[in-house]
Each structure stands twice: as C-alpha cells, then as structure tokens.
C-alpha cells in the first residue's frame, strides 16, 4: 500500500496547478489547470464549475468583470433567459454578461464547459468596449492579445480541458496562487505549482 500524500491526508480531492506561461515577449500569461491528481485528467462537472466560479470571482478582486461568449449564442441566450441572467448583445456574434454572481457563474460554467469563452476584469469592464467586443465576434479569444493591458486581466476559459489562461500585466503567478488559495478553501482543492 502506497503512503498517503499530504493532500490526501488533508482530505483534498482536486489539484489546481498554477504556472507562468511563455506566450511571447509582449504577453504575460499564467496558466491554471484543474486536474484529478490520481490520473491528471481535467476535472469537469459541478465541482469544477464551483471551483472555476470561485477562481474567476477572486481574481477580479472586487473589480467589475465581463463573461464574453462568441460561439453557440442561441444556446447561451436561451440559458440566460431561462435562468434570469442579464446579458447584452453588442453584435449578432457576441453576448456579454456583466459581473454575474457566483451562483450564476456556476450554472454558466457547468452548462458551457465544452465551449471556449472569455472573461475580462478591471475598471475598463465598467463600460462596453466596442473595439474589443467587435474583435471578439470576429476573432474569438485572439482578440484579447492587444486588449489585455487595458484590463486587470483577460482570460481564456477552456474548462473542458481543465484550463484557465490569464493574460495580465498585474497578476503574477504568485499573486494568483495567493488569491485562489483563499477562494477555494473548503472546496477540497490543493493549489500548487506543477510537480
């Protein structure tokens, strides 16, 4: 019988790995990966949605944030209407949700796990960003590359793959780890650097 790891001994079930990413000289990025430490498979479903909702909320740090959808909009629109989630449509090819509460984020993240979408936070998220929003409708998450310096962060959500990629001038991997540890307390998640 193998000895228990310290995470197992503490009753932790999942592992959220946080590391700096090299996406080029003009981009500071941090990758977060939510995995089952037993098999390194991505965590999905309700548990993952709870964890990602807590992570996104705490990374925003009280600043306004926007969840950006730019694919499968009929399903997003229907889900929002069924669950009384406010949204706006700056174009036929984009839907934006401004600072939904954690309970709504959980539902959104669980329902749209298989979709790639984005989140942006900071003072700039208080008002519509026509340039970015039209670019998101055309190019998807690639639109965040020139825009992220205007925000606290822009993030690409690939929750089916277990990833959140944060683009930020101000949030380093160590700061993200500090914030996230407090946010996932009680959700049985170990926050650590990759092994």
C-alpha atoms as a PDB file:
ATOM      1  CA  UNK A   1       0.000   0.000   0.000  1.00  0.00           C
ATOM      2  CA  UNK A   2       1.369   3.414  -1.013  1.00  0.00           C
ATOM      3  CA  UNK A   3       1.680   6.113   1.652  1.00  0.00           C
ATOM      4  CA  UNK A   4      -0.838   8.939   1.513  1.00  0.00           C
ATOM      5  CA  UNK A   5       0.320  12.269   0.098  1.00  0.00           C
ATOM      6  CA  UNK A   6      -0.105  15.334   2.291  1.00  0.00           C
ATOM      7  CA  UNK A   7      -3.002  16.432   0.061  1.00  0.00           C
ATOM      8  CA  UNK A   8      -4.788  13.096   0.556  1.00  0.00           C
ATOM      9  CA  UNK A   9      -4.164  13.267   4.296  1.00  0.00           C
ATOM     10  CA  UNK A  10      -5.821  16.711   4.364  1.00  0.00           C
ATOM     11  CA  UNK A  11      -8.894  15.379   2.502  1.00  0.00           C
ATOM     12  CA  UNK A  12      -8.128  17.293  -0.709  1.00  0.00           C
ATOM     13  CA  UNK A  13      -9.663  15.838  -3.832  1.00  0.00           C
ATOM     14  CA  UNK A  14      -8.513  18.047  -6.714  1.00  0.00           C
ATOM     15  CA  UNK A  15      -5.334  19.902  -7.670  1.00  0.00           C
ATOM     16  CA  UNK A  16      -5.176  23.366  -9.233  1.00  0.00           C
ATOM     17  CA  UNK A  17      -1.763  23.905 -10.760  1.00  0.00           C
ATOM     18  CA  UNK A  18      -0.643  27.477 -11.424  1.00  0.00           C
ATOM     19  CA  UNK A  19       2.343  28.389 -13.575  1.00  0.00           C
ATOM     20  CA  UNK A  20       3.727  31.241 -15.650  1.00  0.00           C
ATOM     21  CA  UNK A  21       3.447  30.665 -19.386  1.00  0.00           C
ATOM     22  CA  UNK A  22       5.712  31.885 -22.161  1.00  0.00           C
ATOM     23  CA  UNK A  23       3.376  33.159 -24.878  1.00  0.00           C
ATOM     24  CA  UNK A  24       5.839  35.687 -26.276  1.00  0.00           C
ATOM     25  CA  UNK A  25       7.718  38.774 -25.193  1.00  0.00           C
ATOM     26  CA  UNK A  26       4.655  41.042 -25.307  1.00  0.00           C
ATOM     27  CA  UNK A  27       2.348  38.828 -23.218  1.00  0.00           C
ATOM     28  CA  UNK A  28       2.459  37.981 -19.529  1.00  0.00           C
ATOM     29  CA  UNK A  29       0.354  34.879 -19.015  1.00  0.00           C
ATOM     30  CA  UNK A  30      -0.417  32.468 -16.212  1.00  0.00           C
ATOM     31  CA  UNK A  31      -1.965  29.064 -16.770  1.00  0.00           C
ATOM     32  CA  UNK A  32      -4.264  27.404 -14.257  1.00  0.00           C
ATOM     33  CA  UNK A  33      -5.024  23.709 -14.712  1.00  0.00           C
ATOM     34  CA  UNK A  34      -7.636  21.877 -12.629  1.00  0.00           C
ATOM     35  CA  UNK A  35      -6.888  18.158 -12.511  1.00  0.00           C
ATOM     36  CA  UNK A  36      -7.573  14.958 -10.670  1.00  0.00           C
ATOM     37  CA  UNK A  37      -4.138  14.238  -9.144  1.00  0.00           C
ATOM     38  CA  UNK A  38      -4.676  10.479  -9.409  1.00  0.00           C
ATOM     39  CA  UNK A  39      -4.796  10.404 -13.211  1.00  0.00           C
ATOM     40  CA  UNK A  40      -4.020  14.011 -14.263  1.00  0.00           C
ATOM     41  CA  UNK A  41      -7.338  14.189 -16.135  1.00  0.00           C
ATOM     42  CA  UNK A  42      -9.207  17.519 -16.187  1.00  0.00           C
ATOM     43  CA  UNK A  43     -11.933  17.976 -13.599  1.00  0.00           C
ATOM     44  CA  UNK A  44     -15.339  18.810 -15.097  1.00  0.00           C
ATOM     45  CA  UNK A  45     -18.923  18.895 -13.893  1.00  0.00           C
ATOM     46  CA  UNK A  46     -20.428  20.656 -10.915  1.00  0.00           C
ATOM     47  CA  UNK A  47     -17.303  20.507  -8.716  1.00  0.00           C
ATOM     48  CA  UNK A  48     -15.215  22.120 -11.448  1.00  0.00           C
ATOM     49  CA  UNK A  49     -17.847  24.792 -12.108  1.00  0.00           C
ATOM     50  CA  UNK A  50     -17.858  25.716  -8.397  1.00  0.00           C
ATOM     51  CA  UNK A  51     -14.081  25.952  -8.340  1.00  0.00           C
ATOM     52  CA  UNK A  52     -13.802  27.989 -11.564  1.00  0.00           C
ATOM     53  CA  UNK A  53     -16.558  30.370 -10.413  1.00  0.00           C
ATOM     54  CA  UNK A  54     -14.687  30.978  -7.144  1.00  0.00           C
ATOM     55  CA  UNK A  55     -11.410  31.469  -9.035  1.00  0.00           C
ATOM     56  CA  UNK A  56     -12.818  33.981 -11.540  1.00  0.00           C
ATOM     57  CA  UNK A  57     -14.571  35.946  -8.799  1.00  0.00           C
ATOM     58  CA  UNK A  58     -11.496  36.194  -6.591  1.00  0.00           C
ATOM     59  CA  UNK A  59      -9.184  37.087  -9.467  1.00  0.00           C
ATOM     60  CA  UNK A  60     -11.457  40.034 -10.288  1.00  0.00           C
ATOM     61  CA  UNK A  61     -10.777  41.212  -6.736  1.00  0.00           C
ATOM     62  CA  UNK A  62     -13.955  43.262  -6.434  1.00  0.00           C
ATOM     63  CA  UNK A  63     -13.487  44.883  -9.850  1.00  0.00           C
ATOM     64  CA  UNK A  64     -16.263  44.574 -12.417  1.00  0.00           C
ATOM     65  CA  UNK A  65     -15.869  41.706 -14.850  1.00  0.00           C
ATOM     66  CA  UNK A  66     -17.498  40.536 -18.070  1.00  0.00           C
ATOM     67  CA  UNK A  67     -18.003  36.999 -19.352  1.00  0.00           C
ATOM     68  CA  UNK A  68     -17.671  37.026 -23.152  1.00  0.00           C
ATOM     69  CA  UNK A  69     -19.374  34.430 -25.364  1.00  0.00           C
ATOM     70  CA  UNK A  70     -18.808  34.433 -29.129  1.00  0.00           C
ATOM     71  CA  UNK A  71     -19.991  30.971 -30.210  1.00  0.00           C
ATOM     72  CA  UNK A  72     -23.186  28.906 -29.874  1.00  0.00           C
ATOM     73  CA  UNK A  73     -25.032  32.087 -28.994  1.00  0.00           C
ATOM     74  CA  UNK A  74     -28.548  30.673 -29.333  1.00  0.00           C
ATOM     75  CA  UNK A  75     -27.806  28.220 -26.506  1.00  0.00           C
ATOM     76  CA  UNK A  76     -26.197  30.940 -24.371  1.00  0.00           C
ATOM     77  CA  UNK A  77     -29.129  33.295 -24.963  1.00  0.00           C
ATOM     78  CA  UNK A  78     -31.689  30.575 -24.130  1.00  0.00           C
ATOM     79  CA  UNK A  79     -29.832  29.541 -20.974  1.00  0.00           C
ATOM     80  CA  UNK A  80     -29.579  33.147 -19.777  1.00  0.00           C
ATOM     81  CA  UNK A  81     -33.268  33.769 -20.384  1.00  0.00           C
ATOM     82  CA  UNK A  82     -34.293  30.541 -18.622  1.00  0.00           C
ATOM     83  CA  UNK A  83     -32.151  31.433 -15.587  1.00  0.00           C
ATOM     84  CA  UNK A  84     -32.890  35.191 -15.499  1.00  0.00           C
ATOM     85  CA  UNK A  85     -29.266  36.106 -16.231  1.00  0.00           C
ATOM     86  CA  UNK A  86     -28.879  39.588 -17.672  1.00  0.00           C
ATOM     87  CA  UNK A  87     -26.879  39.877 -20.871  1.00  0.00           C
ATOM     88  CA  UNK A  88     -26.286  42.254 -23.729  1.00  0.00           C
ATOM     89  CA  UNK A  89     -25.595  41.636 -27.387  1.00  0.00           C
ATOM     90  CA  UNK A  90     -23.284  44.236 -28.886  1.00  0.00           C
ATOM     91  CA  UNK A  91     -23.462  42.343 -32.194  1.00  0.00           C
ATOM     92  CA  UNK A  92     -25.113  39.288 -33.704  1.00  0.00           C
ATOM     93  CA  UNK A  93     -21.971  37.301 -32.898  1.00  0.00           C
ATOM     94  CA  UNK A  94     -21.267  38.155 -29.258  1.00  0.00           C
ATOM     95  CA  UNK A  95     -23.028  38.014 -25.889  1.00  0.00           C
ATOM     96  CA  UNK A  96     -21.630  39.735 -22.795  1.00  0.00           C
ATOM     97  CA  UNK A  97     -22.628  39.128 -19.168  1.00  0.00           C
ATOM     98  CA  UNK A  98     -21.589  41.796 -16.661  1.00  0.00           C
ATOM     99  CA  UNK A  99     -20.431  40.578 -13.237  1.00  0.00           C
ATOM    100  CA  UNK A 100     -22.834  37.671 -12.751  1.00  0.00           C
ATOM    101  CA  UNK A 101     -22.938  36.453  -9.135  1.00  0.00           C
ATOM    102  CA  UNK A 102     -21.135  33.234  -8.218  1.00  0.00           C
ATOM    103  CA  UNK A 103     -24.338  31.161  -8.272  1.00  0.00           C
ATOM    104  CA  UNK A 104     -24.995  32.184 -11.884  1.00  0.00           C
ATOM    105  CA  UNK A 105     -21.344  31.648 -12.822  1.00  0.00           C
ATOM    106  CA  UNK A 106     -21.539  28.087 -11.513  1.00  0.00           C
ATOM    107  CA  UNK A 107     -24.547  27.359 -13.715  1.00  0.00           C
ATOM    108  CA  UNK A 108     -22.953  29.011 -16.757  1.00  0.00           C
ATOM    109  CA  UNK A 109     -19.603  27.286 -16.295  1.00  0.00           C
ATOM    110  CA  UNK A 110     -21.228  23.897 -15.796  1.00  0.00           C
ATOM    111  CA  UNK A 111     -23.561  24.270 -18.802  1.00  0.00           C
ATOM    112  CA  UNK A 112     -20.909  25.667 -21.159  1.00  0.00           C
ATOM    113  CA  UNK A 113     -17.924  23.561 -20.069  1.00  0.00           C
ATOM    114  CA  UNK A 114     -17.432  22.313 -23.629  1.00  0.00           C
ATOM    115  CA  UNK A 115     -17.248  25.859 -25.064  1.00  0.00           C
ATOM    116  CA  UNK A 116     -14.267  28.187 -25.181  1.00  0.00           C
ATOM    117  CA  UNK A 117     -15.179  31.663 -23.943  1.00  0.00           C
ATOM    118  CA  UNK A 118     -13.523  34.548 -22.161  1.00  0.00           C
ATOM    119  CA  UNK A 119     -13.569  36.723 -19.078  1.00  0.00           C
ATOM    120  CA  UNK A 120     -12.150  40.218 -18.608  1.00  0.00           C
ATOM    121  CA  UNK A 121     -11.970  42.224 -15.415  1.00  0.00           C
ATOM    122  CA  UNK A 122     -10.956  45.652 -14.207  1.00  0.00           C
ATOM    123  CA  UNK A 123     -12.145  49.236 -14.320  1.00  0.00           C
ATOM    124  CA  UNK A 124     -12.340  49.074 -18.131  1.00  0.00           C
ATOM    125  CA  UNK A 125     -15.088  46.437 -17.790  1.00  0.00           C
ATOM    126  CA  UNK A 126     -17.477  49.036 -16.333  1.00  0.00           C
ATOM    127  CA  UNK A 127     -18.441  50.200 -19.825  1.00  0.00           C
ATOM    128  CA  UNK A 128     -18.825  48.428 -23.170  1.00  0.00           C
ATOM    129  CA  UNK A 129     -15.576  48.076 -25.109  1.00  0.00           C
ATOM    130  CA  UNK A 130     -16.781  48.317 -28.711  1.00  0.00           C
ATOM    131  CA  UNK A 131     -13.352  47.704 -30.209  1.00  0.00           C
ATOM    132  CA  UNK A 132     -12.716  44.517 -28.219  1.00  0.00           C
ATOM    133  CA  UNK A 133     -16.281  43.248 -28.466  1.00  0.00           C
ATOM    134  CA  UNK A 134     -16.381  43.528 -32.258  1.00  0.00           C
ATOM    135  CA  UNK A 135     -12.932  41.909 -32.425  1.00  0.00           C
ATOM    136  CA  UNK A 136     -14.121  39.033 -30.183  1.00  0.00           C
ATOM    137  CA  UNK A 137     -17.041  38.464 -32.570  1.00  0.00           C
ATOM    138  CA  UNK A 138     -14.579  38.210 -35.477  1.00  0.00           C
ATOM    139  CA  UNK A 139     -11.508  36.529 -33.979  1.00  0.00           C
ATOM    140  CA  UNK A 140     -12.588  34.880 -30.723  1.00  0.00           C
ATOM    141  CA  UNK A 141     -10.113  34.809 -27.847  1.00  0.00           C
ATOM    142  CA  UNK A 142      -7.264  36.047 -30.058  1.00  0.00           C
ATOM    143  CA  UNK A 143      -8.846  39.487 -29.630  1.00  0.00           C
ATOM    144  CA  UNK A 144      -7.617  39.560 -26.015  1.00  0.00           C
ATOM    145  CA  UNK A 145      -3.955  39.796 -27.057  1.00  0.00           C
ATOM    146  CA  UNK A 146      -3.933  43.518 -27.938  1.00  0.00           C
ATOM    147  CA  UNK A 147      -6.626  44.375 -25.363  1.00  0.00           C
ATOM    148  CA  UNK A 148      -5.433  42.763 -22.127  1.00  0.00           C
ATOM    149  CA  UNK A 149      -3.186  45.678 -20.992  1.00  0.00           C
ATOM    150  CA  UNK A 150      -6.360  47.817 -20.602  1.00  0.00           C
ATOM    151  CA  UNK A 151      -7.764  45.343 -18.044  1.00  0.00           C
ATOM    152  CA  UNK A 152      -6.755  43.820 -14.732  1.00  0.00           C
ATOM    153  CA  UNK A 153      -6.854  40.587 -16.723  1.00  0.00           C
ATOM    154  CA  UNK A 154      -8.350  38.881 -19.736  1.00  0.00           C
ATOM    155  CA  UNK A 155      -8.763  35.125 -19.501  1.00  0.00           C
ATOM    156  CA  UNK A 156      -9.452  32.284 -21.882  1.00  0.00           C
ATOM    157  CA  UNK A 157     -11.710  29.593 -20.415  1.00  0.00           C
ATOM    158  CA  UNK A 158     -11.257  26.035 -21.707  1.00  0.00           C
ATOM    159  CA  UNK A 159     -12.911  24.234 -18.813  1.00  0.00           C
ATOM    160  CA  UNK A 160     -13.447  21.004 -20.727  1.00  0.00           C
ATOM    161  CA  UNK A 161      -9.662  20.779 -20.991  1.00  0.00           C
ATOM    162  CA  UNK A 162      -9.298  21.931 -17.376  1.00  0.00           C
ATOM    163  CA  UNK A 163      -7.621  25.242 -18.242  1.00  0.00           C
ATOM    164  CA  UNK A 164      -7.910  28.934 -17.491  1.00  0.00           C
ATOM    165  CA  UNK A 165      -5.264  31.089 -19.171  1.00  0.00           C
ATOM    166  CA  UNK A 166      -4.887  34.536 -17.628  1.00  0.00           C
ATOM    167  CA  UNK A 167      -3.330  37.438 -19.550  1.00  0.00           C
ATOM    168  CA  UNK A 168      -2.388  40.254 -17.188  1.00  0.00           C
ATOM    169  CA  UNK A 169       0.192  42.961 -16.634  1.00  0.00           C
ATOM    170  CA  UNK A 170      -0.511  42.980 -12.889  1.00  0.00           C
ATOM    171  CA  UNK A 171      -1.316  39.429 -11.789  1.00  0.00           C
ATOM    172  CA  UNK A 172       1.754  37.239 -11.425  1.00  0.00           C
ATOM    173  CA  UNK A 173       1.550  33.504 -10.774  1.00  0.00           C
ATOM    174  CA  UNK A 174       2.401  34.022  -7.090  1.00  0.00           C
ATOM    175  CA  UNK A 175      -0.380  36.609  -6.645  1.00  0.00           C
ATOM    176  CA  UNK A 176      -2.881  34.378  -8.431  1.00  0.00           C
ATOM    177  CA  UNK A 177      -1.927  31.475  -6.147  1.00  0.00           C
ATOM    178  CA  UNK A 178      -2.377  33.653  -3.061  1.00  0.00           C
ATOM    179  CA  UNK A 179      -5.816  34.845  -4.141  1.00  0.00           C
ATOM    180  CA  UNK A 180      -7.001  31.444  -5.327  1.00  0.00           C
ATOM    181  CA  UNK A 181      -5.980  29.569  -2.173  1.00  0.00           C
ATOM    182  CA  UNK A 182      -8.350  31.685  -0.125  1.00  0.00           C
ATOM    183  CA  UNK A 183     -11.147  31.351  -2.698  1.00  0.00           C
ATOM    184  CA  UNK A 184     -11.138  27.554  -2.894  1.00  0.00           C
ATOM    185  CA  UNK A 185     -10.830  26.934   0.810  1.00  0.00           C
ATOM    186  CA  UNK A 186     -13.496  24.369   1.638  1.00  0.00           C
ATOM    187  CA  UNK A 187     -13.731  23.060  -1.939  1.00  0.00           C
ATOM    188  CA  UNK A 188     -11.131  20.298  -1.371  1.00  0.00           C
ATOM    189  CA  UNK A 189      -8.596  21.796  -3.799  1.00  0.00           C
ATOM    190  CA  UNK A 190      -4.834  21.855  -3.425  1.00  0.00           C
ATOM    191  CA  UNK A 191      -3.325  24.939  -5.105  1.00  0.00           C
ATOM    192  CA  UNK A 192       0.283  24.352  -6.135  1.00  0.00           C
ATOM    193  CA  UNK A 193       2.941  24.779  -8.780  1.00  0.00           C
ATOM    194  CA  UNK A 194       3.136  21.919 -11.292  1.00  0.00           C
ATOM    195  CA  UNK A 195       5.040  18.897  -9.962  1.00  0.00           C
END
